[in-house]
Amino acid sequence: MRGVAEYQFGPSSGGTLFPEGVSFERSKRTGKVRFIRLGDVLLASLRPTDGMLTLTIAGAERLVSGVNPMGCTVTVLDDVGEFISQGKNVFAKHVVDAGDGIRPGDEVIVLDSKKRVLAVGRALLTGEEMLAFGFGVAVRTRRGRDRDR
């Protein structure tokens, strides 16, 4: 799982996201890893369709605090932070910074200007397009900070 995290989020992210003591919950049907937890806190899930990780807010906070700079982050205007943390989608006109390597379908972490995690979701545009476009959904939010509690 650390190898998958390093492939997906960059060098040294595997150890940061999954320290010693993580537990794996396996699918009853296939026997493959499905959920990764630290104690009773869910950090990430493994997507069965492509083998990539989907983060929770707790997992995103571990990555942001431990790995710098993050290529999978999208920073939004502080004015819309409240809506994003409620689980609303991120529109391109609200994006002020985005990782260069972001591609459509990538797992991304949405931050405010103070680098607090607001949400996690799936990118619908490249990082460059998020900054260039003035309309449309840039990130389909899966979990918002306020909704994920």
C-alpha atoms as a PDB file:
ATOM      1  CA  MET A   1       0.000   0.000   0.000  1.00  0.00           C
ATOM      2  CA  ARG A   2       2.910   2.352   0.655  1.00  0.00           C
ATOM      3  CA  GLY A   3       4.105   1.763  -2.893  1.00  0.00           C
ATOM      4  CA  VAL A   4       0.692   2.645  -4.302  1.00  0.00           C
ATOM      5  CA  ALA A   5       0.658   5.842  -2.202  1.00  0.00           C
ATOM      6  CA  GLU A   6       4.134   6.839  -3.419  1.00  0.00           C
ATOM      7  CA  TYR A   7       3.164   6.197  -7.038  1.00  0.00           C
ATOM      8  CA  GLN A   8      -0.058   8.179  -6.671  1.00  0.00           C
ATOM      9  CA  PHE A   9       0.981  11.056  -4.371  1.00  0.00           C
ATOM     10  CA  GLY A  10       4.770  11.275  -4.715  1.00  0.00           C
ATOM     11  CA  PRO A  11       7.954  10.279  -2.881  1.00  0.00           C
ATOM     12  CA  SER A  12       7.809   9.777   0.908  1.00  0.00           C
ATOM     13  CA  SER A  13       4.000   9.871   0.944  1.00  0.00           C
ATOM     14  CA  GLY A  14       3.693   6.132   1.624  1.00  0.00           C
ATOM     15  CA  GLY A  15       5.332   6.258   5.040  1.00  0.00           C
ATOM     16  CA  THR A  16       3.547   9.488   5.934  1.00  0.00           C
ATOM     17  CA  LEU A  17       0.093   8.214   5.012  1.00  0.00           C
ATOM     18  CA  PHE A  18       0.556   4.672   6.314  1.00  0.00           C
ATOM     19  CA  PRO A  19       2.793   4.576   9.412  1.00  0.00           C
ATOM     20  CA  GLU A  20       3.559   1.380  11.331  1.00  0.00           C
ATOM     21  CA  GLY A  21       0.457  -0.085  12.911  1.00  0.00           C
ATOM     22  CA  VAL A  22      -2.051   0.424  10.093  1.00  0.00           C
ATOM     23  CA  SER A  23      -4.595  -2.337   9.610  1.00  0.00           C
ATOM     24  CA  PHE A  24      -6.144  -3.591   6.416  1.00  0.00           C
ATOM     25  CA  GLU A  25      -9.741  -4.642   5.974  1.00  0.00           C
ATOM     26  CA  ARG A  26     -10.205  -7.060   3.130  1.00  0.00           C
ATOM     27  CA  SER A  27     -13.181  -7.641   0.869  1.00  0.00           C
ATOM     28  CA  LYS A  28     -15.145 -10.713   1.947  1.00  0.00           C
ATOM     29  CA  ARG A  29     -15.839 -11.642  -1.649  1.00  0.00           C
ATOM     30  CA  THR A  30     -12.418 -11.177  -3.263  1.00  0.00           C
ATOM     31  CA  GLY A  31      -9.998 -11.142  -0.321  1.00  0.00           C
ATOM     32  CA  LYS A  32      -8.304  -7.999  -1.653  1.00  0.00           C
ATOM     33  CA  VAL A  33      -7.475  -4.989   0.526  1.00  0.00           C
ATOM     34  CA  ARG A  34     -10.391  -2.566   0.602  1.00  0.00           C
ATOM     35  CA  PHE A  35      -9.921  -0.184   3.596  1.00  0.00           C
ATOM     36  CA  ILE A  36      -6.792   1.034   5.421  1.00  0.00           C
ATOM     37  CA  ARG A  37      -7.171   2.202   9.025  1.00  0.00           C
ATOM     38  CA  LEU A  38      -4.935   3.572  11.761  1.00  0.00           C
ATOM     39  CA  GLY A  39      -6.600   2.407  14.951  1.00  0.00           C
ATOM     40  CA  ASP A  40     -10.273   3.008  14.281  1.00  0.00           C
ATOM     41  CA  VAL A  41      -9.681   5.971  11.938  1.00  0.00           C
ATOM     42  CA  LEU A  42     -10.221   5.270   8.241  1.00  0.00           C
ATOM     43  CA  LEU A  43      -7.325   6.760   6.235  1.00  0.00           C
ATOM     44  CA  ALA A  44      -8.021   5.535   2.728  1.00  0.00           C
ATOM     45  CA  SER A  45      -9.905   3.050   0.574  1.00  0.00           C
ATOM     46  CA  LEU A  46      -8.594   1.132  -2.374  1.00  0.00           C
ATOM     47  CA  ARG A  47     -10.681   1.576  -5.542  1.00  0.00           C
ATOM     48  CA  PRO A  48     -11.332  -1.873  -6.962  1.00  0.00           C
ATOM     49  CA  THR A  49     -11.650  -0.564 -10.529  1.00  0.00           C
ATOM     50  CA  ASP A  50      -8.091   0.740 -10.898  1.00  0.00           C
ATOM     51  CA  GLY A  51      -6.226  -0.104  -7.677  1.00  0.00           C
ATOM     52  CA  MET A  52      -5.730   3.539  -6.687  1.00  0.00           C
ATOM     53  CA  LEU A  53      -6.377   5.079  -3.284  1.00  0.00           C
ATOM     54  CA  THR A  54      -9.246   7.342  -2.312  1.00  0.00           C
ATOM     55  CA  LEU A  55      -8.520   9.467   0.733  1.00  0.00           C
ATOM     56  CA  THR A  56     -10.565  10.462   3.730  1.00  0.00           C
ATOM     57  CA  ILE A  57     -10.155  13.841   5.427  1.00  0.00           C
ATOM     58  CA  ALA A  58      -7.930  12.187   8.073  1.00  0.00           C
ATOM     59  CA  GLY A  59      -5.713  10.654   5.373  1.00  0.00           C
ATOM     60  CA  ALA A  60      -5.501  13.954   3.492  1.00  0.00           C
ATOM     61  CA  GLU A  61      -4.461  15.790   6.663  1.00  0.00           C
ATOM     62  CA  ARG A  62      -1.673  13.253   7.264  1.00  0.00           C
ATOM     63  CA  LEU A  63      -0.388  13.794   3.708  1.00  0.00           C
ATOM     64  CA  VAL A  64      -0.558  17.589   3.822  1.00  0.00           C
ATOM     65  CA  SER A  65       1.210  17.768   7.188  1.00  0.00           C
ATOM     66  CA  GLY A  66       3.962  15.342   6.219  1.00  0.00           C
ATOM     67  CA  VAL A  67       4.749  15.824   2.524  1.00  0.00           C
ATOM     68  CA  ASN A  68       5.734  19.160   0.969  1.00  0.00           C
ATOM     69  CA  PRO A  69       5.146  20.296  -1.733  1.00  0.00           C
ATOM     70  CA  MET A  70       2.094  18.303  -2.684  1.00  0.00           C
ATOM     71  CA  GLY A  71       1.419  17.921  -6.376  1.00  0.00           C
ATOM     72  CA  CYS A  72      -2.112  16.672  -5.781  1.00  0.00           C
ATOM     73  CA  THR A  73      -3.536  19.741  -4.059  1.00  0.00           C
ATOM     74  CA  VAL A  74      -5.981  22.362  -5.266  1.00  0.00           C
ATOM     75  CA  THR A  75      -6.173  25.667  -3.375  1.00  0.00           C
ATOM     76  CA  VAL A  76      -9.438  27.617  -3.500  1.00  0.00           C
ATOM     77  CA  LEU A  77     -10.568  31.102  -2.531  1.00  0.00           C
ATOM     78  CA  ASP A  78     -11.318  31.490   1.163  1.00  0.00           C
ATOM     79  CA  ASP A  79     -14.782  32.869   0.296  1.00  0.00           C
ATOM     80  CA  VAL A  80     -15.959  29.443  -0.898  1.00  0.00           C
ATOM     81  CA  GLY A  81     -14.209  27.391   1.794  1.00  0.00           C
ATOM     82  CA  GLU A  82     -17.386  26.938   3.827  1.00  0.00           C
ATOM     83  CA  PHE A  83     -19.297  25.495   0.861  1.00  0.00           C
ATOM     84  CA  ILE A  84     -16.456  23.187  -0.155  1.00  0.00           C
ATOM     85  CA  SER A  85     -16.121  21.847   3.390  1.00  0.00           C
ATOM     86  CA  GLN A  86     -19.848  20.986   3.272  1.00  0.00           C
ATOM     87  CA  GLY A  87     -19.120  18.720   0.310  1.00  0.00           C
ATOM     88  CA  LYS A  88     -19.987  21.021  -2.602  1.00  0.00           C
ATOM     89  CA  ASN A  89     -18.021  20.672  -5.848  1.00  0.00           C
ATOM     90  CA  VAL A  90     -15.097  22.980  -6.665  1.00  0.00           C
ATOM     91  CA  PHE A  91     -15.600  25.265  -9.660  1.00  0.00           C
ATOM     92  CA  ALA A  92     -12.662  26.360 -11.807  1.00  0.00           C
ATOM     93  CA  LYS A  93     -13.344  30.049 -11.187  1.00  0.00           C
ATOM     94  CA  HIS A  94     -12.632  29.513  -7.463  1.00  0.00           C
ATOM     95  CA  VAL A  95      -9.259  27.776  -7.934  1.00  0.00           C
ATOM     96  CA  VAL A  96      -6.222  29.941  -7.123  1.00  0.00           C
ATOM     97  CA  ASP A  97      -3.538  27.217  -7.303  1.00  0.00           C
ATOM     98  CA  ALA A  98      -3.361  23.634  -8.537  1.00  0.00           C
ATOM     99  CA  GLY A  99      -0.629  21.029  -8.853  1.00  0.00           C
ATOM    100  CA  ASP A 100       1.079  20.879 -12.246  1.00  0.00           C
ATOM    101  CA  GLY A 101       0.761  17.105 -12.519  1.00  0.00           C
ATOM    102  CA  ILE A 102      -2.969  16.866 -11.857  1.00  0.00           C
ATOM    103  CA  ARG A 103      -4.853  14.963 -14.560  1.00  0.00           C
ATOM    104  CA  PRO A 104      -8.562  14.257 -14.905  1.00  0.00           C
ATOM    105  CA  GLY A 105      -9.504  11.341 -12.660  1.00  0.00           C
ATOM    106  CA  ASP A 106      -6.724  11.956 -10.131  1.00  0.00           C
ATOM    107  CA  GLU A 107      -7.420  12.018  -6.408  1.00  0.00           C
ATOM    108  CA  VAL A 108      -6.921  15.590  -5.148  1.00  0.00           C
ATOM    109  CA  ILE A 109      -6.933  17.395  -1.813  1.00  0.00           C
ATOM    110  CA  VAL A 110      -8.744  20.747  -1.674  1.00  0.00           C
ATOM    111  CA  LEU A 111      -7.109  23.357   0.589  1.00  0.00           C
ATOM    112  CA  ASP A 112      -7.788  26.918   1.680  1.00  0.00           C
ATOM    113  CA  SER A 113      -5.127  29.660   1.699  1.00  0.00           C
ATOM    114  CA  LYS A 114      -3.907  28.565   5.155  1.00  0.00           C
ATOM    115  CA  LYS A 115      -3.319  24.997   3.847  1.00  0.00           C
ATOM    116  CA  ARG A 116      -6.208  23.514   5.845  1.00  0.00           C
ATOM    117  CA  VAL A 117      -7.887  20.513   4.255  1.00  0.00           C
ATOM    118  CA  LEU A 118     -11.415  21.393   3.153  1.00  0.00           C
ATOM    119  CA  ALA A 119     -12.288  18.340   1.074  1.00  0.00           C
ATOM    120  CA  VAL A 120     -11.045  15.455  -1.033  1.00  0.00           C
ATOM    121  CA  GLY A 121     -12.307  14.461  -4.437  1.00  0.00           C
ATOM    122  CA  ARG A 122     -11.620  13.587  -8.045  1.00  0.00           C
ATOM    123  CA  ALA A 123     -10.204  16.070 -10.543  1.00  0.00           C
ATOM    124  CA  LEU A 124     -12.260  16.637 -13.676  1.00  0.00           C
ATOM    125  CA  LEU A 125      -9.693  18.975 -15.295  1.00  0.00           C
ATOM    126  CA  THR A 126      -5.915  19.175 -15.443  1.00  0.00           C
ATOM    127  CA  GLY A 127      -4.191  21.520 -12.994  1.00  0.00           C
ATOM    128  CA  GLU A 128      -3.449  23.928 -15.835  1.00  0.00           C
ATOM    129  CA  GLU A 129      -7.079  23.914 -17.013  1.00  0.00           C
ATOM    130  CA  MET A 130      -8.335  24.584 -13.476  1.00  0.00           C
ATOM    131  CA  LEU A 131      -6.357  27.816 -13.451  1.00  0.00           C
ATOM    132  CA  ALA A 132      -7.200  28.823 -17.021  1.00  0.00           C
ATOM    133  CA  PHE A 133     -10.943  28.123 -17.123  1.00  0.00           C
ATOM    134  CA  GLY A 134     -13.441  30.593 -15.687  1.00  0.00           C
ATOM    135  CA  PHE A 135     -16.378  28.196 -15.517  1.00  0.00           C
ATOM    136  CA  GLY A 136     -17.240  24.542 -14.961  1.00  0.00           C
ATOM    137  CA  VAL A 137     -16.574  21.977 -12.269  1.00  0.00           C
ATOM    138  CA  ALA A 138     -12.879  21.407 -11.578  1.00  0.00           C
ATOM    139  CA  VAL A 139     -13.128  18.875  -8.726  1.00  0.00           C
ATOM    140  CA  ARG A 140     -16.005  16.541  -7.929  1.00  0.00           C
ATOM    141  CA  THR A 141     -15.919  16.512  -4.134  1.00  0.00           C
ATOM    142  CA  ARG A 142     -16.292  13.128  -2.460  1.00  0.00           C
ATOM    143  CA  ARG A 143     -15.854  14.105   1.189  1.00  0.00           C
ATOM    144  CA  GLY A 144     -16.104  17.545   2.751  1.00  0.00           C
ATOM    145  CA  ARG A 145     -14.571  18.310   6.147  1.00  0.00           C
ATOM    146  CA  ASP A 146     -17.915  19.184   7.767  1.00  0.00           C
ATOM    147  CA  ARG A 147     -19.852  16.385   6.101  1.00  0.00           C
ATOM    148  CA  ASP A 148     -17.271  13.695   6.891  1.00  0.00           C
ATOM    149  CA  ARG A 149     -17.615  13.825  10.686  1.00  0.00           C
END
